[in-house]
């Protein structure tokens, strides 16, 4: 009985490894760069896919989360959060009147402020990881061998993390809106598009 259990455990362990042929030929993935104004959520906010339909809730955004505000639309902001675009009520964002004023500034002024935010993040990534790796992380790229910390700095916190323990190894699947990333023992080994 113990032998059977050991054989089944080893069999499931080897089946759970990603196939080398699939992961070696993967291209680097990069998220699109968009100009935005960062905004902090005051209280838990509902994000809608359609601002005219209050039953179109996509997800709930926790208080104190930072979102990327793309533009004001009526009493809503079009935002980007965890890889998803949607609408939230303007009054759910701290200092929303200041943000509205900022959107009334000429586009070149907004772009200059965005460049300042980007420069700050760029300096932070280069300081933390060095020039070559910091620049890739700043550009939202991923590659095999990245640590979970590097991926979090590049793509942000995933929507869900699934944990699996295989004998003495740990496998994690990080679920993003468009991709699933696979980690073995804190290292990125593969990814694939969600269906």
N, C-alpha and C. Protein backbone atom coordinates (compact mmCIF):
# COMPACT_ATOMS: atom_id res chain seq x y z
N UNK A 1 0.82 -1.18 0.00
CA UNK A 1 0.00 0.00 0.00
C UNK A 1 0.87 1.26 0.00
N UNK A 2 1.92 1.26 0.83
CA UNK A 2 2.82 2.41 0.87
C UNK A 2 3.52 2.59 -0.47
N UNK A 3 3.88 1.48 -1.11
CA UNK A 3 4.55 1.55 -2.40
C UNK A 3 3.63 2.15 -3.45
N UNK A 4 2.38 1.75 -3.45
CA UNK A 4 1.40 2.28 -4.39
C UNK A 4 1.22 3.79 -4.18
N UNK A 5 1.11 4.19 -2.93
CA UNK A 5 0.97 5.62 -2.62
C UNK A 5 2.18 6.41 -3.10
N UNK A 6 3.40 5.88 -2.86
CA UNK A 6 4.62 6.53 -3.28
C UNK A 6 4.67 6.65 -4.80
N UNK A 7 4.31 5.59 -5.51
CA UNK A 7 4.32 5.62 -6.97
C UNK A 7 3.32 6.63 -7.51
N UNK A 8 2.13 6.68 -6.93
CA UNK A 8 1.13 7.65 -7.37
C UNK A 8 1.58 9.08 -7.09
N UNK A 9 2.22 9.29 -5.96
CA UNK A 9 2.72 10.63 -5.64
C UNK A 9 3.80 11.06 -6.62
N UNK A 10 4.73 10.17 -6.92
CA UNK A 10 5.78 10.50 -7.89
C UNK A 10 5.20 10.75 -9.28
N UNK A 11 4.24 9.92 -9.68
CA UNK A 11 3.61 10.08 -10.98
C UNK A 11 2.94 11.45 -11.09
N UNK A 12 2.17 11.85 -10.07
CA UNK A 12 1.50 13.15 -10.12
C UNK A 12 2.50 14.29 -10.05
N UNK A 13 3.61 14.08 -9.35
CA UNK A 13 4.65 15.09 -9.26
C UNK A 13 5.25 15.37 -10.64
N UNK A 14 5.59 14.32 -11.39
CA UNK A 14 6.20 14.50 -12.70
C UNK A 14 5.21 15.02 -13.73
N UNK A 15 3.96 14.68 -13.59
CA UNK A 15 2.95 15.20 -14.52
C UNK A 15 2.72 16.69 -14.33
N UNK A 16 2.97 17.21 -13.16
CA UNK A 16 2.69 18.61 -12.88
C UNK A 16 3.77 19.55 -13.38
N UNK A 17 4.93 19.03 -13.84
CA UNK A 17 5.96 19.90 -14.38
C UNK A 17 5.53 20.44 -15.73
N UNK A 18 5.83 21.72 -16.01
CA UNK A 18 5.51 22.24 -17.34
C UNK A 18 6.41 21.59 -18.39
N UNK A 19 5.88 21.42 -19.60
CA UNK A 19 6.67 20.81 -20.66
C UNK A 19 7.72 21.80 -21.13
N UNK A 20 8.95 21.35 -21.24
CA UNK A 20 10.04 22.24 -21.61
C UNK A 20 9.86 22.79 -23.01
N UNK A 21 9.36 21.98 -23.92
CA UNK A 21 9.20 22.44 -25.29
C UNK A 21 8.24 23.60 -25.41
N UNK A 22 7.25 23.69 -24.56
CA UNK A 22 6.28 24.77 -24.65
C UNK A 22 6.82 26.06 -24.06
N UNK A 23 7.53 25.97 -22.96
CA UNK A 23 7.93 27.19 -22.27
C UNK A 23 9.21 27.81 -22.83
N UNK A 24 10.05 27.06 -23.52
CA UNK A 24 11.30 27.62 -24.01
C UNK A 24 11.10 28.59 -25.17
N UNK A 25 10.03 28.44 -25.93
CA UNK A 25 9.84 29.25 -27.12
C UNK A 25 8.86 30.40 -26.90
N UNK A 26 8.56 30.73 -25.66
CA UNK A 26 7.58 31.78 -25.40
C UNK A 26 8.17 33.15 -25.62
N UNK A 27 7.42 34.03 -26.32
CA UNK A 27 7.90 35.39 -26.47
C UNK A 27 7.69 36.17 -25.18
N UNK A 28 8.39 37.28 -25.07
CA UNK A 28 8.18 38.18 -23.95
C UNK A 28 6.82 38.84 -24.10
N UNK A 29 6.14 39.10 -22.99
CA UNK A 29 4.82 39.73 -23.02
C UNK A 29 4.95 41.12 -22.44
N UNK A 30 4.30 42.09 -23.07
CA UNK A 30 4.35 43.47 -22.60
C UNK A 30 2.94 44.03 -22.57
N UNK A 31 2.58 44.71 -21.49
CA UNK A 31 1.29 45.38 -21.40
C UNK A 31 1.37 46.72 -22.11
N UNK A 32 0.22 47.19 -22.59
CA UNK A 32 0.17 48.48 -23.28
C UNK A 32 0.43 49.62 -22.29
N UNK A 33 1.06 50.69 -22.78
CA UNK A 33 1.29 51.88 -21.97
C UNK A 33 0.19 52.88 -22.28
N UNK A 34 -0.48 53.40 -21.25
CA UNK A 34 -1.59 54.33 -21.42
C UNK A 34 -1.35 55.50 -20.48
N UNK A 35 -1.73 56.70 -20.92
CA UNK A 35 -1.62 57.87 -20.06
C UNK A 35 -2.83 57.91 -19.14
N UNK A 36 -2.59 58.16 -17.86
CA UNK A 36 -3.64 58.13 -16.86
C UNK A 36 -3.27 59.05 -15.70
N UNK A 37 -4.26 59.27 -14.85
CA UNK A 37 -4.03 59.99 -13.59
C UNK A 37 -4.30 58.98 -12.48
N UNK A 38 -3.36 58.75 -11.58
CA UNK A 38 -3.63 57.80 -10.49
C UNK A 38 -4.68 58.38 -9.53
N UNK A 39 -5.57 57.51 -9.07
CA UNK A 39 -6.59 57.92 -8.11
C UNK A 39 -6.72 56.88 -7.01
N UNK A 40 -6.99 57.35 -5.80
CA UNK A 40 -7.14 56.44 -4.66
C UNK A 40 -8.62 56.32 -4.31
N UNK A 41 -9.07 55.08 -4.12
CA UNK A 41 -10.47 54.80 -3.81
C UNK A 41 -10.73 55.11 -2.34
N UNK A 42 -11.78 55.92 -2.06
CA UNK A 42 -12.12 56.29 -0.68
C UNK A 42 -12.76 55.13 0.06
N UNK A 43 -13.80 54.56 -0.53
CA UNK A 43 -14.55 53.45 0.06
C UNK A 43 -14.69 52.39 -1.03
N UNK A 44 -14.98 51.18 -0.64
CA UNK A 44 -15.15 50.13 -1.63
C UNK A 44 -16.05 50.64 -2.76
N UNK A 45 -15.58 50.43 -4.00
CA UNK A 45 -16.31 50.94 -5.16
C UNK A 45 -16.65 49.80 -6.11
N UNK A 46 -17.81 49.89 -6.72
CA UNK A 46 -18.19 48.94 -7.75
C UNK A 46 -17.69 49.43 -9.10
N UNK A 47 -17.07 48.54 -9.88
CA UNK A 47 -16.65 48.89 -11.23
C UNK A 47 -17.65 48.27 -12.20
N UNK A 48 -18.18 49.11 -13.09
CA UNK A 48 -19.20 48.68 -14.04
C UNK A 48 -18.61 48.55 -15.43
N UNK A 49 -19.11 47.59 -16.20
CA UNK A 49 -18.71 47.50 -17.60
C UNK A 49 -19.51 48.49 -18.44
N UNK A 50 -20.71 48.84 -17.95
CA UNK A 50 -21.59 49.79 -18.65
C UNK A 50 -22.13 50.76 -17.61
N UNK A 51 -21.77 52.04 -17.74
CA UNK A 51 -22.17 52.99 -16.71
C UNK A 51 -23.68 53.24 -16.70
N UNK A 52 -24.38 52.89 -17.78
CA UNK A 52 -25.83 53.07 -17.84
C UNK A 52 -26.57 51.90 -17.19
N UNK A 53 -25.84 50.84 -16.84
CA UNK A 53 -26.47 49.63 -16.31
C UNK A 53 -25.83 49.27 -14.97
N UNK A 54 -26.52 49.57 -13.86
CA UNK A 54 -25.94 49.33 -12.54
C UNK A 54 -25.83 47.85 -12.20
N UNK A 55 -26.42 46.98 -13.01
CA UNK A 55 -26.26 45.54 -12.75
C UNK A 55 -25.07 44.96 -13.51
N UNK A 56 -24.28 45.82 -14.16
CA UNK A 56 -23.13 45.34 -14.94
C UNK A 56 -21.83 45.39 -14.12
N UNK A 57 -21.92 45.08 -12.83
CA UNK A 57 -20.75 45.14 -11.96
C UNK A 57 -19.73 44.09 -12.41
N UNK A 58 -18.50 44.56 -12.64
CA UNK A 58 -17.42 43.67 -13.06
C UNK A 58 -16.69 43.15 -11.82
N UNK A 59 -16.40 44.07 -10.90
CA UNK A 59 -15.73 43.68 -9.66
C UNK A 59 -15.85 44.80 -8.64
N UNK A 60 -15.51 44.49 -7.41
CA UNK A 60 -15.49 45.48 -6.33
C UNK A 60 -14.03 45.86 -6.08
N UNK A 61 -13.79 47.16 -5.99
CA UNK A 61 -12.43 47.65 -5.75
C UNK A 61 -12.35 48.05 -4.28
N UNK A 62 -11.42 47.45 -3.52
CA UNK A 62 -11.33 47.76 -2.09
C UNK A 62 -10.90 49.20 -1.82
N UNK A 63 -11.29 49.70 -0.67
CA UNK A 63 -10.87 51.04 -0.23
C UNK A 63 -9.35 51.10 -0.19
N UNK A 64 -8.80 52.25 -0.44
CA UNK A 64 -7.36 52.53 -0.44
C UNK A 64 -6.62 51.93 -1.62
N UNK A 65 -7.33 51.34 -2.57
CA UNK A 65 -6.68 50.84 -3.79
C UNK A 65 -6.39 52.01 -4.71
N UNK A 66 -5.34 51.88 -5.49
CA UNK A 66 -5.01 52.91 -6.49
C UNK A 66 -5.43 52.41 -7.86
N UNK A 67 -6.15 53.27 -8.59
CA UNK A 67 -6.63 52.94 -9.93
C UNK A 67 -6.02 53.92 -10.92
N UNK A 68 -6.04 53.56 -12.19
CA UNK A 68 -5.58 54.44 -13.25
C UNK A 68 -6.82 55.08 -13.88
N UNK A 69 -6.96 56.38 -13.71
CA UNK A 69 -8.12 57.09 -14.25
C UNK A 69 -7.77 57.55 -15.66
N UNK A 70 -8.55 57.05 -16.63
CA UNK A 70 -8.26 57.34 -18.03
C UNK A 70 -8.98 58.59 -18.52
N UNK A 71 -10.24 58.79 -18.07
CA UNK A 71 -10.97 59.99 -18.46
C UNK A 71 -12.29 60.08 -17.71
N UNK A 72 -12.80 61.31 -17.52
CA UNK A 72 -14.12 61.46 -16.92
C UNK A 72 -15.21 61.28 -17.99
N UNK A 73 -16.31 60.64 -17.59
CA UNK A 73 -17.47 60.46 -18.47
C UNK A 73 -18.71 60.68 -17.62
N UNK A 74 -19.41 61.79 -17.85
CA UNK A 74 -20.58 62.17 -17.05
C UNK A 74 -20.19 62.18 -15.57
N UNK A 75 -20.88 61.41 -14.72
CA UNK A 75 -20.56 61.35 -13.28
C UNK A 75 -19.62 60.20 -12.94
N UNK A 76 -19.01 59.61 -13.93
CA UNK A 76 -18.14 58.45 -13.76
C UNK A 76 -16.73 58.77 -14.23
N UNK A 77 -15.79 57.90 -13.82
CA UNK A 77 -14.46 57.90 -14.41
C UNK A 77 -14.31 56.58 -15.16
N UNK A 78 -13.75 56.64 -16.35
CA UNK A 78 -13.31 55.43 -17.03
C UNK A 78 -11.95 55.11 -16.43
N UNK A 79 -11.81 53.91 -15.88
CA UNK A 79 -10.57 53.55 -15.17
C UNK A 79 -10.00 52.25 -15.70
N UNK A 80 -8.77 51.99 -15.30
CA UNK A 80 -8.09 50.72 -15.55
C UNK A 80 -7.65 50.20 -14.19
N UNK A 81 -8.03 48.95 -13.88
CA UNK A 81 -7.67 48.35 -12.59
C UNK A 81 -7.49 46.86 -12.78
N UNK A 82 -6.34 46.34 -12.40
CA UNK A 82 -6.01 44.92 -12.50
C UNK A 82 -6.28 44.37 -13.90
N UNK A 83 -5.90 45.15 -14.90
CA UNK A 83 -6.03 44.68 -16.28
C UNK A 83 -7.41 44.83 -16.88
N UNK A 84 -8.34 45.46 -16.16
CA UNK A 84 -9.71 45.59 -16.65
C UNK A 84 -10.07 47.07 -16.73
N UNK A 85 -10.76 47.44 -17.82
CA UNK A 85 -11.29 48.78 -17.96
C UNK A 85 -12.75 48.78 -17.56
N UNK A 86 -13.18 49.83 -16.88
CA UNK A 86 -14.57 49.94 -16.47
C UNK A 86 -14.84 51.33 -15.91
N UNK A 87 -16.03 51.50 -15.35
CA UNK A 87 -16.47 52.80 -14.85
C UNK A 87 -16.74 52.72 -13.35
N UNK A 88 -16.34 53.80 -12.64
CA UNK A 88 -16.70 53.94 -11.23
C UNK A 88 -17.25 55.36 -11.04
N UNK A 89 -18.08 55.52 -10.02
CA UNK A 89 -18.59 56.85 -9.70
C UNK A 89 -17.43 57.75 -9.29
N UNK A 90 -17.45 58.98 -9.77
CA UNK A 90 -16.37 59.92 -9.46
C UNK A 90 -16.24 60.15 -7.96
N UNK A 91 -17.36 60.22 -7.25
CA UNK A 91 -17.31 60.54 -5.82
C UNK A 91 -16.66 59.43 -4.99
N UNK A 92 -16.39 58.26 -5.58
CA UNK A 92 -15.71 57.18 -4.86
C UNK A 92 -14.19 57.37 -4.83
N UNK A 93 -13.70 58.38 -5.56
CA UNK A 93 -12.26 58.62 -5.65
C UNK A 93 -11.90 59.83 -4.79
N UNK A 94 -10.84 59.68 -3.98
CA UNK A 94 -10.36 60.80 -3.16
C UNK A 94 -9.99 61.97 -4.07
N UNK A 95 -10.32 63.18 -3.63
CA UNK A 95 -9.98 64.41 -4.36
C UNK A 95 -10.43 64.39 -5.81
N UNK A 96 -11.62 63.86 -6.06
CA UNK A 96 -12.07 63.73 -7.44
C UNK A 96 -12.26 65.08 -8.13
N UNK A 97 -12.56 66.14 -7.36
CA UNK A 97 -12.71 67.45 -8.00
C UNK A 97 -11.36 67.94 -8.54
N UNK A 98 -10.28 67.64 -7.82
CA UNK A 98 -8.94 68.01 -8.30
C UNK A 98 -8.58 67.22 -9.56
N UNK A 99 -8.98 65.95 -9.57
CA UNK A 99 -8.71 65.12 -10.75
C UNK A 99 -9.48 65.64 -11.95
N UNK A 100 -10.74 66.08 -11.75
CA UNK A 100 -11.52 66.66 -12.84
C UNK A 100 -10.84 67.92 -13.38
N UNK A 101 -10.31 68.74 -12.47
CA UNK A 101 -9.60 69.94 -12.90
C UNK A 101 -8.37 69.56 -13.74
N UNK A 102 -7.70 68.50 -13.31
CA UNK A 102 -6.52 68.05 -14.04
C UNK A 102 -6.89 67.63 -15.47
N UNK A 103 -8.02 66.97 -15.62
CA UNK A 103 -8.45 66.56 -16.97
C UNK A 103 -8.85 67.77 -17.82
N UNK A 104 -9.19 68.89 -17.19
CA UNK A 104 -9.52 70.09 -17.94
C UNK A 104 -8.28 70.84 -18.40
N UNK A 105 -7.10 70.45 -17.90
CA UNK A 105 -5.84 71.04 -18.34
C UNK A 105 -5.55 70.57 -19.77
N UNK A 106 -4.75 71.32 -20.51
CA UNK A 106 -4.36 70.85 -21.85
C UNK A 106 -3.67 69.48 -21.76
N UNK A 107 -3.84 68.68 -22.80
CA UNK A 107 -3.29 67.31 -22.81
C UNK A 107 -1.79 67.30 -22.60
N UNK A 108 -1.09 68.29 -23.07
CA UNK A 108 0.37 68.31 -22.90
C UNK A 108 0.76 68.44 -21.44
N UNK A 109 -0.04 69.21 -20.65
CA UNK A 109 0.24 69.32 -19.21
C UNK A 109 0.01 67.98 -18.51
N UNK A 110 -1.08 67.31 -18.86
CA UNK A 110 -1.37 65.99 -18.27
C UNK A 110 -0.27 65.00 -18.63
N UNK A 111 0.18 65.04 -19.87
CA UNK A 111 1.22 64.12 -20.31
C UNK A 111 2.52 64.39 -19.56
N UNK A 112 2.83 65.66 -19.31
CA UNK A 112 4.04 66.00 -18.56
C UNK A 112 3.97 65.46 -17.15
N UNK A 113 2.79 65.56 -16.50
CA UNK A 113 2.64 65.01 -15.14
C UNK A 113 2.77 63.48 -15.16
N UNK A 114 2.19 62.85 -16.20
CA UNK A 114 2.29 61.39 -16.32
C UNK A 114 3.76 60.99 -16.49
N UNK A 115 4.49 61.76 -17.26
CA UNK A 115 5.91 61.47 -17.45
C UNK A 115 6.67 61.55 -16.13
N UNK A 116 6.29 62.49 -15.25
CA UNK A 116 6.92 62.59 -13.94
C UNK A 116 6.64 61.34 -13.11
N UNK A 117 5.39 60.84 -13.14
CA UNK A 117 5.03 59.62 -12.43
C UNK A 117 5.84 58.45 -12.99
N UNK A 118 5.91 58.36 -14.33
CA UNK A 118 6.66 57.28 -14.97
C UNK A 118 8.15 57.36 -14.61
N UNK A 119 8.71 58.57 -14.60
CA UNK A 119 10.13 58.73 -14.25
C UNK A 119 10.40 58.24 -12.84
N UNK A 120 9.50 58.54 -11.92
CA UNK A 120 9.66 58.11 -10.53
C UNK A 120 9.64 56.58 -10.45
N UNK A 121 8.68 55.95 -11.13
CA UNK A 121 8.60 54.48 -11.12
C UNK A 121 9.83 53.87 -11.79
N UNK A 122 10.28 54.48 -12.89
CA UNK A 122 11.47 54.00 -13.59
C UNK A 122 12.69 54.01 -12.65
N UNK A 123 12.90 55.14 -11.98
CA UNK A 123 14.03 55.25 -11.05
C UNK A 123 13.93 54.20 -9.94
N UNK A 124 12.72 53.98 -9.45
CA UNK A 124 12.52 53.00 -8.38
C UNK A 124 12.87 51.59 -8.86
N UNK A 125 12.43 51.22 -10.06
CA UNK A 125 12.71 49.87 -10.58
C UNK A 125 14.20 49.68 -10.86
N UNK A 126 14.85 50.70 -11.44
CA UNK A 126 16.29 50.61 -11.73
C UNK A 126 17.08 50.54 -10.43
N UNK A 127 16.66 51.29 -9.43
CA UNK A 127 17.34 51.26 -8.13
C UNK A 127 17.21 49.88 -7.48
N UNK A 128 16.05 49.27 -7.63
CA UNK A 128 15.79 47.98 -6.98
C UNK A 128 16.44 46.80 -7.72
N UNK A 129 16.44 46.85 -9.08
CA UNK A 129 16.87 45.68 -9.86
C UNK A 129 18.08 45.90 -10.76
N UNK A 130 18.59 47.12 -10.86
CA UNK A 130 19.67 47.41 -11.79
C UNK A 130 19.10 47.89 -13.12
N UNK A 131 19.99 48.40 -14.00
CA UNK A 131 19.53 49.04 -15.24
C UNK A 131 18.75 48.11 -16.16
N UNK A 132 19.34 47.00 -16.55
CA UNK A 132 18.74 46.13 -17.56
C UNK A 132 17.41 45.54 -17.09
N UNK A 133 17.41 44.92 -15.93
CA UNK A 133 16.20 44.27 -15.41
C UNK A 133 15.17 45.32 -14.99
N UNK A 134 15.62 46.39 -14.35
CA UNK A 134 14.69 47.45 -13.93
C UNK A 134 13.96 48.07 -15.10
N UNK A 135 14.65 48.25 -16.22
CA UNK A 135 14.01 48.81 -17.42
C UNK A 135 12.95 47.87 -17.98
N UNK A 136 13.25 46.57 -18.00
CA UNK A 136 12.26 45.60 -18.49
C UNK A 136 11.02 45.58 -17.61
N UNK A 137 11.23 45.62 -16.30
CA UNK A 137 10.10 45.61 -15.37
C UNK A 137 9.30 46.90 -15.52
N UNK A 138 9.97 48.02 -15.69
CA UNK A 138 9.28 49.29 -15.91
C UNK A 138 8.40 49.22 -17.15
N UNK A 139 8.84 48.50 -18.18
CA UNK A 139 8.09 48.36 -19.43
C UNK A 139 7.02 47.27 -19.36
N UNK A 140 6.79 46.73 -18.16
CA UNK A 140 5.76 45.70 -17.91
C UNK A 140 6.04 44.40 -18.67
N UNK A 141 7.29 44.05 -18.85
CA UNK A 141 7.65 42.81 -19.52
C UNK A 141 7.80 41.70 -18.48
N UNK A 142 7.60 40.46 -18.96
CA UNK A 142 7.87 39.29 -18.12
C UNK A 142 8.73 38.32 -18.91
N UNK A 143 9.46 37.45 -18.20
CA UNK A 143 10.30 36.44 -18.83
C UNK A 143 10.50 35.30 -17.84
N UNK A 144 10.90 34.15 -18.38
CA UNK A 144 11.13 32.99 -17.54
C UNK A 144 12.27 33.27 -16.56
N UNK A 145 12.09 32.80 -15.31
CA UNK A 145 13.11 32.97 -14.29
C UNK A 145 12.85 34.14 -13.35
N UNK A 146 11.86 34.98 -13.66
CA UNK A 146 11.54 36.10 -12.77
C UNK A 146 11.05 35.58 -11.43
N UNK A 147 11.32 36.33 -10.37
CA UNK A 147 10.77 35.98 -9.06
C UNK A 147 9.34 36.53 -8.97
N UNK A 148 8.61 36.06 -7.99
CA UNK A 148 7.24 36.55 -7.80
C UNK A 148 7.26 38.05 -7.50
N UNK A 149 8.26 38.53 -6.78
CA UNK A 149 8.37 39.94 -6.47
C UNK A 149 8.57 40.77 -7.74
N UNK A 150 9.39 40.29 -8.65
CA UNK A 150 9.64 40.99 -9.91
C UNK A 150 8.37 41.08 -10.75
N UNK A 151 7.63 39.97 -10.81
CA UNK A 151 6.40 39.96 -11.60
C UNK A 151 5.37 40.91 -10.98
N UNK A 152 5.29 40.91 -9.66
CA UNK A 152 4.35 41.82 -8.99
C UNK A 152 4.70 43.28 -9.30
N UNK A 153 6.01 43.61 -9.34
CA UNK A 153 6.43 44.97 -9.69
C UNK A 153 6.15 45.28 -11.16
N UNK A 154 6.19 44.27 -12.01
CA UNK A 154 5.97 44.48 -13.44
C UNK A 154 4.48 44.56 -13.80
N UNK A 155 3.70 43.59 -13.35
CA UNK A 155 2.29 43.50 -13.75
C UNK A 155 1.32 43.84 -12.63
N UNK A 156 1.78 43.99 -11.41
CA UNK A 156 0.87 44.28 -10.32
C UNK A 156 0.36 42.99 -9.68
N UNK A 157 -0.52 43.15 -8.71
CA UNK A 157 -1.07 42.01 -7.99
C UNK A 157 -2.06 41.26 -8.86
N UNK A 158 -1.94 39.93 -8.94
CA UNK A 158 -2.90 39.18 -9.75
C UNK A 158 -4.29 39.15 -9.10
N UNK A 159 -5.27 38.83 -9.90
CA UNK A 159 -6.65 38.74 -9.40
C UNK A 159 -6.76 37.58 -8.41
N UNK A 160 -6.12 36.46 -8.72
CA UNK A 160 -6.18 35.26 -7.87
C UNK A 160 -4.83 34.55 -7.92
N UNK A 161 -4.46 33.90 -6.82
CA UNK A 161 -3.27 33.04 -6.79
C UNK A 161 -3.69 31.66 -6.31
N UNK A 162 -3.44 30.66 -7.13
CA UNK A 162 -3.71 29.27 -6.76
C UNK A 162 -2.39 28.64 -6.31
N UNK A 163 -2.40 27.98 -5.14
CA UNK A 163 -1.20 27.34 -4.59
C UNK A 163 -1.36 25.83 -4.66
N UNK A 164 -0.29 25.14 -5.06
CA UNK A 164 -0.26 23.68 -5.10
C UNK A 164 1.05 23.22 -4.47
N UNK A 165 1.01 22.19 -3.67
CA UNK A 165 2.22 21.65 -3.08
C UNK A 165 2.43 20.25 -3.64
N UNK A 166 3.61 20.03 -4.23
CA UNK A 166 3.97 18.75 -4.82
C UNK A 166 5.22 18.25 -4.10
N UNK A 167 5.03 17.33 -3.19
CA UNK A 167 6.09 16.76 -2.35
C UNK A 167 6.86 17.89 -1.68
N UNK A 168 8.02 18.30 -2.21
CA UNK A 168 8.77 19.37 -1.55
C UNK A 168 8.91 20.60 -2.43
N UNK A 169 8.01 20.76 -3.40
CA UNK A 169 8.03 21.93 -4.29
C UNK A 169 6.68 22.64 -4.23
N UNK A 170 6.71 23.93 -4.52
CA UNK A 170 5.49 24.73 -4.50
C UNK A 170 5.23 25.29 -5.90
N UNK A 171 4.02 25.06 -6.37
CA UNK A 171 3.59 25.61 -7.66
C UNK A 171 2.52 26.66 -7.38
N UNK A 172 2.62 27.79 -8.09
CA UNK A 172 1.60 28.84 -7.99
C UNK A 172 1.13 29.20 -9.38
N UNK A 173 -0.16 29.44 -9.50
CA UNK A 173 -0.73 29.98 -10.73
C UNK A 173 -1.28 31.36 -10.41
N UNK A 174 -0.76 32.37 -11.07
CA UNK A 174 -1.23 33.74 -10.88
C UNK A 174 -2.21 34.05 -12.00
N UNK A 175 -3.42 34.38 -11.64
CA UNK A 175 -4.48 34.61 -12.61
C UNK A 175 -4.63 36.11 -12.85
N UNK A 176 -4.32 36.55 -14.06
CA UNK A 176 -4.54 37.92 -14.49
C UNK A 176 -5.71 37.89 -15.48
N UNK A 177 -6.27 39.06 -15.83
CA UNK A 177 -7.42 39.05 -16.73
C UNK A 177 -7.17 38.36 -18.07
N UNK A 178 -5.98 38.50 -18.64
CA UNK A 178 -5.72 37.91 -19.96
C UNK A 178 -4.74 36.73 -19.94
N UNK A 179 -3.98 36.58 -18.86
CA UNK A 179 -2.94 35.55 -18.80
C UNK A 179 -2.98 34.80 -17.48
N UNK A 180 -2.45 33.58 -17.51
CA UNK A 180 -2.18 32.81 -16.30
C UNK A 180 -0.68 32.55 -16.28
N UNK A 181 -0.03 32.95 -15.19
CA UNK A 181 1.41 32.77 -15.04
C UNK A 181 1.66 31.62 -14.07
N UNK A 182 2.64 30.77 -14.39
CA UNK A 182 2.94 29.59 -13.59
C UNK A 182 4.32 29.75 -12.96
N UNK A 183 4.37 29.60 -11.64
CA UNK A 183 5.62 29.69 -10.88
C UNK A 183 5.91 28.35 -10.22
N UNK A 184 7.16 27.95 -10.22
CA UNK A 184 7.63 26.82 -9.43
C UNK A 184 8.67 27.36 -8.47
N UNK A 185 8.45 27.15 -7.18
CA UNK A 185 9.39 27.58 -6.15
C UNK A 185 9.80 29.05 -6.34
N UNK A 186 8.79 29.91 -6.51
CA UNK A 186 8.98 31.36 -6.60
C UNK A 186 9.61 31.85 -7.89
N UNK A 187 9.73 31.02 -8.92
CA UNK A 187 10.31 31.42 -10.20
C UNK A 187 9.30 31.21 -11.32
N UNK A 188 9.16 32.21 -12.19
CA UNK A 188 8.25 32.11 -13.33
C UNK A 188 8.78 31.10 -14.33
N UNK A 189 7.98 30.07 -14.65
CA UNK A 189 8.42 29.04 -15.58
C UNK A 189 7.66 29.06 -16.89
N UNK A 190 6.41 29.52 -16.87
CA UNK A 190 5.63 29.56 -18.11
C UNK A 190 4.39 30.43 -17.91
N UNK A 191 3.71 30.72 -19.00
CA UNK A 191 2.44 31.45 -18.96
C UNK A 191 1.67 31.11 -20.21
N UNK A 192 0.39 31.37 -20.15
CA UNK A 192 -0.47 31.14 -21.31
C UNK A 192 -1.69 32.06 -21.23
N UNK A 193 -2.29 32.29 -22.41
CA UNK A 193 -3.47 33.15 -22.48
C UNK A 193 -4.66 32.42 -21.89
N UNK A 194 -5.50 33.18 -21.21
CA UNK A 194 -6.75 32.61 -20.67
C UNK A 194 -7.71 32.40 -21.83
N UNK A 195 -8.56 31.41 -21.65
CA UNK A 195 -9.56 31.11 -22.69
C UNK A 195 -10.81 31.90 -22.46
